[in-house]
Amino acid sequence: MKFLGTFTARLTARFAILVTLTTSAVLLTGGLLLNHQIEHGLELLHDVEAAEIGKLLGTDTRLTEDEVEQRIQHDADSDAALFLIQVIAPGEKIVFRSDNLGDTILPANGDATPHWTTRLPFLGRVRLSSYRVGPWRIMVGSSLVSGERMLRDYIRISLGLVGGVALLSVGLGYAFSRQALRPLRAIEATARKISADNLGQRIPVAGSDELASLSHLLNETFDRLQASFEQVRQFSADASHELKTPLALVRLNAEKIRQRVGGQEELRAAVDDILEEIGSLNHIIDRLLFLARSEAGAVPLQKRRIDIAAWVTGFAEDAQALAEDRGAKFRSGENASGELTLDPDLLRQLLLNLVANAVAVSPAGGAVTLESRPDGANWTLAIADEGPGLPEEQLARVFERFVRFSRDSAATAPRGHGLGLAICRAIAELHGGSIRAENRRDAHGLRVIVTLPRT
């Protein structure tokens, strides 16, 4: 059902409808022309037959019925399979009717039109022609039964052709739409790859049509976007470096003031607040500097081979203390045995960030679970909480810097600056791994999965 709502489906349907309607119109026109040609062909034959009968009758109006019959009976009998013949003398007296008419009298049509179609008893539809040849009114008719049979065969074949063309046009329309939309799919695929941390992708440009112009325009937009992001990142890195020294001086002076306030508790409390905020600012700056260095590939990794099961067991003790301090529970799930080469200090920082976030969104007494297991050529470490989870459209962006999401209101959302998960992703990528978030299917909450190579 999802395919039916796509532009490919709509383009396929429009192509199929257009081809089917065009084919139907052509076949309908062909049927009308065929019917016209049948009638026109009979009219031409009637012209010849009427002229021949008129020649046989001449202009003598004193001929008796027997004399008229004697002159044209042979011609009427020889053409009986094709023509119905009726001759009317002056005074509207019928002086001859071909034997194939039986008791039927051909109806007159006045002088309105020389050719018309009517339905006669036992004969069906008949094409009639009426001629004034000298003093005689000669009426010639032909049955349309064979022509109708031909038209029915034509209609039956046409309906089959329309059905076949409709089915074939759906397949051709799908192939055509896929081919026509290939440049748009390339644009979509490239656009999906572009994010705050991957701005180097560009749309391939081929040809000089409208899509090529669109690709050029989008690439120029991506160039400007990349330049803006690089300026922001450079500003963050430069500002972080430049703020370190002034903050250190502010902290030093605040500590000197604290030593001199003596017993003035109110002043001492104010200085303590200043020192706390300075510490928070230093923490943010350290995180920004870490992200800047990781993007530049300047973070040294102290890798070593570790027993991951033993390491996770040791980490669980610290995580449990962190969770209990904040009114939550920490549980160790599956803890498979194996060896990994990594920087244990950075991995500990990564997992502690995840545990802290999980505890912050979990309800009082909620559980945070850590699982460690092999996954083919990789190793996965998963932290699951019992919080509200996230909308699907927010899962991919949650690891971007300064991005904070919550299903809760702003007043109850977890505190932070939106850097913790960005650092987690940076650490995972420094190890050649990745990180992703998904809503739990077994319960309420979010599961964050870190994937690291086993080599």
Protein backbone atom coordinates (compact mmCIF):
# COMPACT_ATOMS: atom_id res chain seq x y z
CA MET A 1 0.00 0.00 0.00
CA LYS A 2 2.91 2.33 0.64
CA PHE A 3 3.90 2.12 -3.07
CA LEU A 4 0.48 3.45 -4.13
CA GLY A 5 1.20 6.77 -2.44
CA THR A 6 4.54 7.31 -4.22
CA PHE A 7 5.23 9.60 -7.15
CA THR A 8 6.45 6.54 -9.08
CA ALA A 9 3.00 4.96 -8.71
CA ARG A 10 1.26 8.15 -9.79
CA LEU A 11 3.53 8.55 -12.81
CA THR A 12 3.02 4.88 -13.72
CA ALA A 13 -0.76 5.26 -13.43
CA ARG A 14 -0.79 8.43 -15.54
CA PHE A 15 1.37 6.81 -18.22
CA ALA A 16 -0.84 3.70 -18.28
CA ILE A 17 -4.04 5.77 -18.42
CA LEU A 18 -2.66 8.00 -21.18
CA VAL A 19 -1.51 5.05 -23.32
CA THR A 20 -4.76 3.14 -22.72
CA LEU A 21 -6.94 6.15 -23.54
CA THR A 22 -4.88 6.90 -26.65
CA THR A 23 -5.17 3.29 -27.81
CA SER A 24 -8.90 3.30 -27.07
CA ALA A 25 -9.34 6.54 -29.01
CA VAL A 26 -7.42 5.15 -31.99
CA LEU A 27 -9.42 1.90 -31.98
CA LEU A 28 -12.71 3.79 -31.55
CA THR A 29 -11.82 6.03 -34.46
CA GLY A 30 -10.90 2.94 -36.46
CA GLY A 31 -14.29 1.37 -35.64
CA LEU A 32 -16.15 4.49 -36.71
CA LEU A 33 -14.13 4.66 -39.93
CA LEU A 34 -14.77 0.96 -40.57
CA ASN A 35 -18.52 1.42 -40.11
CA HIS A 36 -18.47 4.47 -42.37
CA GLN A 37 -16.46 2.62 -44.97
CA ILE A 38 -18.89 -0.31 -44.95
CA GLU A 39 -21.85 2.02 -45.50
CA HIS A 40 -20.03 4.14 -48.07
CA GLY A 41 -18.92 1.04 -49.96
CA LEU A 42 -22.52 -0.18 -50.13
CA GLU A 43 -23.64 3.23 -51.34
CA LEU A 44 -21.16 3.11 -54.21
CA LEU A 45 -22.43 -0.35 -55.18
CA HIS A 46 -26.00 0.97 -54.96
CA ASP A 47 -25.07 3.80 -57.32
CA VAL A 48 -23.81 1.34 -59.91
CA GLU A 49 -26.77 -1.04 -59.48
CA ALA A 50 -29.34 1.76 -59.73
CA ALA A 51 -27.71 3.12 -62.87
CA GLU A 52 -27.71 -0.34 -64.42
CA ILE A 53 -31.39 -0.93 -63.60
CA GLY A 54 -32.30 2.53 -64.90
CA LYS A 55 -30.54 1.73 -68.16
CA LEU A 56 -32.48 -1.52 -68.46
CA LEU A 57 -35.82 0.20 -67.81
CA GLY A 58 -35.29 3.14 -70.09
CA THR A 59 -37.77 6.03 -70.04
CA ASP A 60 -40.97 4.39 -71.26
CA THR A 61 -43.50 4.82 -68.47
CA ARG A 62 -46.10 2.71 -70.34
CA LEU A 63 -44.30 -0.50 -69.36
CA THR A 64 -46.49 -2.97 -67.53
CA GLU A 65 -45.34 -4.75 -64.36
CA ASP A 66 -44.66 -7.89 -66.39
CA GLU A 67 -42.56 -5.93 -68.86
CA VAL A 68 -40.60 -4.27 -66.03
CA GLU A 69 -40.03 -7.66 -64.42
CA GLN A 70 -38.94 -9.14 -67.74
CA ARG A 71 -36.33 -6.39 -68.22
CA ILE A 72 -34.70 -6.42 -64.77
CA GLN A 73 -35.55 -9.83 -63.23
CA HIS A 74 -32.39 -11.48 -64.46
CA ASP A 75 -30.21 -8.69 -63.07
CA ALA A 76 -32.10 -8.73 -59.77
CA ASP A 77 -31.76 -12.52 -59.44
CA SER A 78 -28.03 -12.47 -60.21
CA ASP A 79 -27.44 -9.82 -57.51
CA ALA A 80 -29.99 -11.18 -55.01
CA ALA A 81 -27.27 -12.08 -52.49
CA LEU A 82 -26.23 -8.46 -52.28
CA PHE A 83 -29.12 -6.20 -53.26
CA LEU A 84 -32.75 -5.68 -52.34
CA ILE A 85 -34.45 -3.92 -55.27
CA GLN A 86 -37.71 -2.04 -55.49
CA VAL A 87 -38.92 0.04 -58.46
CA ILE A 88 -41.62 2.68 -58.14
CA ALA A 89 -43.34 4.10 -61.22
CA PRO A 90 -44.75 7.62 -61.50
CA GLY A 91 -47.74 7.95 -59.21
CA GLU A 92 -45.87 6.09 -56.45
CA LYS A 93 -46.97 2.71 -57.76
CA ILE A 94 -44.63 -0.17 -56.94
CA VAL A 95 -44.05 -2.07 -60.17
CA PHE A 96 -41.21 -4.37 -59.07
CA ARG A 97 -39.81 -5.93 -55.88
CA SER A 98 -36.97 -8.44 -55.92
CA ASP A 99 -37.84 -11.94 -54.71
CA ASN A 100 -35.53 -11.67 -51.69
CA LEU A 101 -37.83 -8.99 -50.24
CA GLY A 102 -40.68 -11.44 -49.73
CA ASP A 103 -43.67 -9.48 -48.47
CA THR A 104 -41.51 -6.61 -47.23
CA ILE A 105 -41.89 -3.21 -48.81
CA LEU A 106 -38.92 -0.87 -48.70
CA PRO A 107 -39.97 2.33 -46.88
CA ALA A 108 -39.63 5.62 -48.66
CA ASN A 109 -37.55 8.40 -47.19
CA GLY A 110 -38.82 11.23 -49.33
CA ASP A 111 -36.09 13.45 -50.70
CA ALA A 112 -34.52 14.12 -47.29
CA THR A 113 -31.41 12.06 -47.99
CA PRO A 114 -30.53 9.55 -50.68
CA HIS A 115 -28.95 7.09 -48.23
CA TRP A 116 -30.21 5.95 -44.84
CA THR A 117 -30.29 2.97 -42.53
CA THR A 118 -33.45 1.31 -41.26
CA ARG A 119 -34.55 -1.95 -39.65
CA LEU A 120 -36.85 -4.28 -41.59
CA PRO A 121 -38.77 -7.32 -40.35
CA PHE A 122 -36.90 -10.59 -40.95
CA LEU A 123 -34.05 -8.67 -42.59
CA GLY A 124 -32.57 -6.70 -39.69
CA ARG A 125 -30.67 -3.50 -40.31
CA VAL A 126 -30.53 -2.49 -43.96
CA ARG A 127 -28.71 0.29 -45.77
CA LEU A 128 -31.07 1.85 -48.30
CA SER A 129 -30.47 4.17 -51.23
CA SER A 130 -33.12 5.94 -53.30
CA TYR A 131 -32.53 7.26 -56.85
CA ARG A 132 -34.50 9.20 -59.43
CA VAL A 133 -33.57 7.66 -62.79
CA GLY A 134 -35.71 9.16 -65.49
CA PRO A 135 -39.34 8.65 -64.54
CA TRP A 136 -38.52 5.81 -62.14
CA ARG A 137 -37.74 5.83 -58.41
CA ILE A 138 -35.30 2.98 -57.90
CA MET A 139 -34.61 1.83 -54.33
CA VAL A 140 -31.63 -0.41 -53.65
CA GLY A 141 -30.89 -1.91 -50.24
CA SER A 142 -28.25 -4.16 -48.71
CA SER A 143 -28.29 -6.05 -45.44
CA LEU A 144 -25.83 -4.85 -42.80
CA VAL A 145 -25.70 -8.23 -41.03
CA SER A 146 -22.26 -9.13 -42.37
CA GLY A 147 -20.99 -5.62 -41.66
CA GLU A 148 -22.35 -5.80 -38.10
CA ARG A 149 -20.63 -9.16 -37.64
CA MET A 150 -17.40 -7.59 -38.82
CA LEU A 151 -17.87 -4.68 -36.38
CA ARG A 152 -18.58 -7.06 -33.49
CA ASP A 153 -15.39 -8.96 -34.27
CA TYR A 154 -13.54 -5.66 -34.44
CA ILE A 155 -14.96 -4.55 -31.07
CA ARG A 156 -14.08 -7.87 -29.44
CA ILE A 157 -10.53 -7.73 -30.75
CA SER A 158 -10.26 -4.05 -29.78
CA LEU A 159 -11.36 -4.75 -26.20
CA GLY A 160 -8.73 -7.47 -25.95
CA LEU A 161 -6.13 -5.10 -27.34
CA VAL A 162 -7.13 -2.36 -24.90
CA GLY A 163 -6.86 -4.78 -21.96
CA GLY A 164 -3.47 -6.03 -23.16
CA VAL A 165 -2.22 -2.51 -23.78
CA ALA A 166 -3.42 -1.45 -20.32
CA LEU A 167 -1.46 -4.27 -18.64
CA LEU A 168 1.59 -3.72 -20.83
CA SER A 169 1.50 0.04 -20.26
CA VAL A 170 1.56 -0.49 -16.49
CA GLY A 171 4.82 -2.43 -16.83
CA LEU A 172 6.26 0.02 -19.33
CA GLY A 173 5.05 2.95 -17.24
CA TYR A 174 6.75 1.57 -14.15
CA ALA A 175 10.01 1.04 -16.06
CA PHE A 176 9.71 4.49 -17.62
CA SER A 177 8.98 6.19 -14.29
CA ARG A 178 11.88 4.40 -12.60
CA GLN A 179 14.20 5.53 -15.39
CA ALA A 180 12.80 9.08 -15.43
CA LEU A 181 13.07 9.43 -11.65
CA ARG A 182 16.58 7.98 -11.40
CA PRO A 183 18.18 11.46 -11.17
CA LEU A 184 15.71 12.40 -8.42
CA ARG A 185 16.58 9.22 -6.51
CA ALA A 186 20.26 10.14 -6.79
CA ILE A 187 19.44 13.60 -5.44
CA GLU A 188 17.43 12.06 -2.59
CA ALA A 189 20.16 9.54 -1.72
CA THR A 190 22.80 12.28 -1.60
CA ALA A 191 20.57 14.61 0.41
CA ARG A 192 19.93 11.83 2.95
CA LYS A 193 23.67 11.39 3.46
CA ILE A 194 24.18 15.07 4.18
CA SER A 195 24.05 16.00 7.85
CA ALA A 196 25.82 18.30 10.25
CA ASP A 197 28.71 15.83 10.39
CA ASN A 198 28.76 14.85 6.72
CA LEU A 199 28.54 17.92 4.53
CA GLY A 200 31.02 16.85 1.85
CA GLN A 201 28.54 14.88 -0.27
CA ARG A 202 27.43 16.43 -3.55
CA ILE A 203 24.85 15.46 -6.13
CA PRO A 204 26.34 14.10 -9.39
CA VAL A 205 25.42 16.35 -12.32
CA ALA A 206 24.88 14.85 -15.78
CA GLY A 207 23.52 16.63 -18.83
CA SER A 208 22.12 20.12 -19.08
CA ASP A 209 18.40 19.66 -18.51
CA GLU A 210 16.12 20.96 -15.74
CA LEU A 211 17.28 18.27 -13.29
CA ALA A 212 20.89 19.25 -13.90
CA SER A 213 20.00 22.86 -13.09
CA LEU A 214 18.27 21.68 -9.90
CA SER A 215 21.35 19.62 -8.97
CA HIS A 216 23.61 22.65 -9.51
CA LEU A 217 21.33 24.78 -7.34
CA LEU A 218 21.25 22.19 -4.54
CA ASN A 219 25.03 21.71 -4.68
CA GLU A 220 25.51 25.47 -4.35
CA THR A 221 23.15 25.43 -1.36
CA PHE A 222 25.12 22.57 0.20
CA ASP A 223 28.36 24.51 -0.39
CA ARG A 224 26.97 27.49 1.49
CA LEU A 225 25.63 25.21 4.23
CA GLN A 226 28.99 23.50 4.60
CA ALA A 227 30.80 26.83 4.78
CA SER A 228 28.37 28.02 7.48
CA PHE A 229 28.82 24.87 9.55
CA GLU A 230 32.60 25.05 9.22
CA GLN A 231 32.51 28.66 10.42
CA VAL A 232 30.40 27.63 13.41
CA ARG A 233 32.73 24.75 14.24
CA GLN A 234 35.78 26.92 13.87
CA PHE A 235 34.19 29.54 16.08
CA SER A 236 33.40 26.90 18.71
CA ALA A 237 36.96 25.62 18.66
CA ASP A 238 38.50 29.11 18.70
CA ALA A 239 36.14 30.36 21.40
CA SER A 240 36.86 27.32 23.55
CA HIS A 241 40.60 27.90 23.30
CA GLU A 242 40.29 31.63 23.94
CA LEU A 243 37.98 31.22 26.94
CA LYS A 244 40.20 28.79 28.83
CA THR A 245 42.67 31.42 30.07
CA PRO A 246 40.10 34.12 31.07
CA LEU A 247 38.06 31.51 32.94
CA ALA A 248 41.16 30.30 34.74
CA LEU A 249 41.88 33.89 35.84
CA VAL A 250 38.27 34.41 36.95
CA ARG A 251 38.40 31.19 38.96
CA LEU A 252 41.72 32.18 40.56
CA ASN A 253 40.35 35.58 41.58
CA ALA A 254 37.13 34.03 42.88
CA GLU A 255 39.12 31.62 45.05
CA LYS A 256 41.17 34.56 46.41
CA ILE A 257 37.97 36.44 47.26
CA ARG A 258 36.57 33.35 48.98
CA GLN A 259 39.64 33.16 51.22
CA ARG A 260 39.18 36.81 52.25
CA VAL A 261 35.44 36.88 53.00
CA GLY A 262 35.95 35.36 56.41
CA GLY A 263 32.67 34.65 58.19
CA GLN A 264 30.40 36.48 55.73
CA GLU A 265 28.31 33.43 54.81
CA GLU A 266 26.12 35.21 52.28
CA LEU A 267 29.15 36.48 50.37
CA ARG A 268 30.85 33.09 50.66
CA ALA A 269 27.72 31.39 49.19
CA ALA A 270 27.71 33.85 46.28
CA VAL A 271 31.39 33.12 45.57
CA ASP A 272 30.67 29.38 45.76
CA ASP A 273 27.93 29.84 43.14
CA ILE A 274 30.40 31.67 40.92
CA LEU A 275 32.95 28.86 41.28
CA GLU A 276 30.27 26.27 40.48
CA GLU A 277 29.24 28.10 37.31
CA ILE A 278 32.89 28.49 36.30
CA GLY A 279 33.30 24.74 36.73
CA SER A 280 30.25 24.15 34.54
CA LEU A 281 31.63 26.48 31.87
CA ASN A 282 34.99 24.72 31.99
CA HIS A 283 33.19 21.40 31.56
CA ILE A 284 31.37 22.70 28.46
CA ILE A 285 34.59 24.12 27.03
CA ASP A 286 36.41 20.83 27.61
CA ARG A 287 33.66 19.01 25.74
CA LEU A 288 33.74 21.47 22.84
CA LEU A 289 37.52 21.14 22.63
CA PHE A 290 37.22 17.36 22.64
CA LEU A 291 34.72 17.48 19.76
CA ALA A 292 36.92 19.90 17.83
CA ARG A 293 39.98 17.66 18.30
CA SER A 294 38.05 14.51 17.37
CA GLU A 295 36.80 16.11 14.13
CA ALA A 296 40.39 17.10 13.35
CA GLY A 297 41.62 13.58 14.18
CA ALA A 298 43.83 14.97 16.93
CA VAL A 299 42.57 12.84 19.84
CA PRO A 300 45.27 10.32 20.82
CA LEU A 301 43.86 6.86 21.57
CA GLN A 302 45.49 4.80 24.31
CA LYS A 303 44.37 1.48 22.90
CA ARG A 304 45.07 -1.86 24.50
CA ARG A 305 43.70 -5.36 24.37
CA ILE A 306 41.14 -5.95 27.13
CA ASP A 307 38.86 -8.73 28.34
CA ILE A 308 35.54 -7.03 27.60
CA ALA A 309 33.50 -9.19 30.00
CA ALA A 310 35.77 -8.35 32.95
CA TRP A 311 35.86 -4.70 31.94
CA VAL A 312 32.04 -4.50 31.75
CA THR A 313 31.78 -6.15 35.18
CA GLY A 314 34.06 -3.48 36.65
CA PHE A 315 32.21 -0.69 34.87
CA ALA A 316 28.88 -2.00 36.18
CA GLU A 317 29.94 -1.19 39.75
CA ASP A 318 30.51 2.48 38.90
CA ALA A 319 27.31 2.62 36.85
CA GLN A 320 25.32 1.10 39.71
CA ALA A 321 26.63 3.72 42.12
CA LEU A 322 25.71 6.48 39.65
CA ALA A 323 22.20 5.09 39.16
CA GLU A 324 21.50 4.57 42.86
CA ASP A 325 22.69 8.09 43.64
CA ARG A 326 19.95 9.37 41.33
CA GLY A 327 17.18 7.05 42.51
CA ALA A 328 17.37 4.48 39.72
CA LYS A 329 18.54 0.88 39.36
CA PHE A 330 21.33 -0.49 37.19
CA ARG A 331 21.21 -4.01 35.81
CA SER A 332 23.76 -6.04 33.90
CA GLY A 333 22.16 -8.08 31.15
CA GLU A 334 24.03 -10.38 28.80
CA ASN A 335 27.80 -10.02 29.25
CA ALA A 336 29.53 -12.20 26.67
CA SER A 337 33.22 -13.08 26.84
CA GLY A 338 35.65 -11.73 24.29
CA GLU A 339 38.62 -9.46 23.69
CA LEU A 340 38.62 -6.01 22.13
CA THR A 341 41.33 -3.49 21.29
CA LEU A 342 40.19 -0.04 22.43
CA ASP A 343 40.81 2.92 24.71
CA PRO A 344 39.13 1.82 27.97
CA ASP A 345 39.08 5.34 29.43
CA LEU A 346 37.23 6.79 26.44
CA LEU A 347 34.86 3.82 26.37
CA ARG A 348 34.14 4.37 30.06
CA GLN A 349 33.39 8.05 29.35
CA LEU A 350 31.06 7.03 26.52
CA LEU A 351 29.09 4.52 28.60
CA LEU A 352 28.93 6.78 31.66
CA ASN A 353 27.41 9.51 29.47
CA LEU A 354 24.81 7.04 28.22
CA VAL A 355 24.04 5.76 31.73
CA ALA A 356 23.71 9.33 33.04
CA ASN A 357 21.29 10.22 30.23
CA ALA A 358 19.31 7.00 30.77
CA VAL A 359 19.02 7.62 34.51
CA ALA A 360 17.93 11.22 33.89
CA VAL A 361 14.93 10.19 31.76
CA SER A 362 13.93 7.08 33.75
CA PRO A 363 11.14 7.28 36.32
CA ALA A 364 11.92 6.94 40.02
CA GLY A 365 12.98 3.35 40.67
CA GLY A 366 13.33 2.70 36.93
CA ALA A 367 15.98 0.31 35.66
CA VAL A 368 18.87 0.98 33.28
CA THR A 369 20.26 -2.15 31.60
CA LEU A 370 23.64 -2.78 29.94
CA GLU A 371 24.14 -5.65 27.51
CA SER A 372 27.41 -6.66 25.84
CA ARG A 373 27.53 -9.24 23.07
CA PRO A 374 29.27 -10.10 19.77
CA ASP A 375 27.54 -9.29 16.50
CA GLY A 376 29.35 -10.86 13.57
CA ALA A 377 32.57 -8.96 12.96
CA ASN A 378 31.52 -6.32 15.50
CA TRP A 379 30.77 -6.02 19.20
CA THR A 380 27.69 -4.24 20.51
CA LEU A 381 27.17 -2.50 23.85
CA ALA A 382 23.56 -1.49 24.47
CA ILE A 383 22.15 0.78 27.19
CA ALA A 384 18.35 0.56 27.66
CA ASP A 385 16.21 2.77 29.90
CA GLU A 386 12.55 2.84 30.94
CA GLY A 387 11.89 6.45 29.99
CA PRO A 388 9.38 7.79 27.46
CA GLY A 389 11.55 7.15 24.39
CA LEU A 390 11.68 9.52 21.41
CA PRO A 391 9.62 10.14 18.26
CA GLU A 392 11.05 8.24 15.28
CA GLU A 393 11.99 11.43 13.41
CA GLN A 394 14.21 12.57 16.32
CA LEU A 395 16.26 9.38 16.69
CA ALA A 396 18.78 10.23 13.95
CA ARG A 397 19.41 13.82 15.16
CA VAL A 398 19.79 13.09 18.85
CA PHE A 399 23.58 12.64 18.46
CA GLU A 400 24.13 16.07 16.93
CA ARG A 401 25.73 18.73 19.12
CA PHE A 402 23.46 21.10 21.04
CA VAL A 403 20.43 18.99 20.11
CA ARG A 404 18.14 18.06 23.00
CA PHE A 405 14.90 16.16 22.63
CA SER A 406 12.35 14.95 25.13
CA ARG A 407 8.76 13.78 25.08
CA ASP A 408 8.36 15.69 28.35
CA SER A 409 7.67 19.38 28.67
CA ALA A 410 10.58 21.79 28.79
CA ALA A 411 10.21 22.06 32.56
CA THR A 412 10.67 18.32 33.10
CA ALA A 413 13.16 17.63 30.33
CA PRO A 414 16.62 16.45 31.44
CA ARG A 415 19.16 19.20 31.99
CA GLY A 416 22.21 19.46 29.81
CA HIS A 417 23.76 21.28 26.88
CA GLY A 418 23.29 18.70 24.12
CA LEU A 419 26.98 17.72 23.98
CA GLY A 420 27.05 14.39 25.80
CA LEU A 421 25.64 12.24 23.01
CA ALA A 422 27.71 14.12 20.41
CA ILE A 423 30.81 13.15 22.41
CA CYS A 424 29.55 9.55 22.58
CA ARG A 425 29.32 9.45 18.79
CA ALA A 426 32.76 11.03 18.43
CA ILE A 427 34.30 8.37 20.71
CA ALA A 428 32.56 5.55 18.83
CA GLU A 429 33.75 6.91 15.48
CA LEU A 430 37.31 7.36 16.80
CA HIS A 431 37.27 3.58 17.37
CA GLY A 432 35.94 2.95 13.85
CA GLY A 433 32.48 2.19 15.21
CA SER A 434 29.05 3.76 15.26
CA ILE A 435 26.18 4.57 17.59
CA ARG A 436 22.44 4.63 17.06
CA ALA A 437 19.25 4.98 19.09
CA GLU A 438 15.98 3.09 18.79
CA ASN A 439 12.78 2.86 20.76
CA ARG A 440 12.43 -0.37 22.70
CA ARG A 441 9.94 -2.90 21.36
CA ASP A 442 9.78 -4.99 24.53
CA ALA A 443 8.88 -2.08 26.84
CA HIS A 444 8.73 1.71 27.13
CA GLY A 445 12.07 3.43 26.79
CA LEU A 446 15.05 4.03 24.56
CA ARG A 447 17.90 1.72 23.64
CA VAL A 448 21.25 3.20 22.55
CA ILE A 449 23.50 0.73 20.74
CA VAL A 450 27.26 1.22 20.38
CA THR A 451 28.88 -0.91 17.67
CA LEU A 452 32.66 -1.41 17.76
CA PRO A 453 34.89 -3.47 15.46
CA ARG A 454 36.27 -6.65 17.07
CA THR A 455 39.71 -6.29 15.46
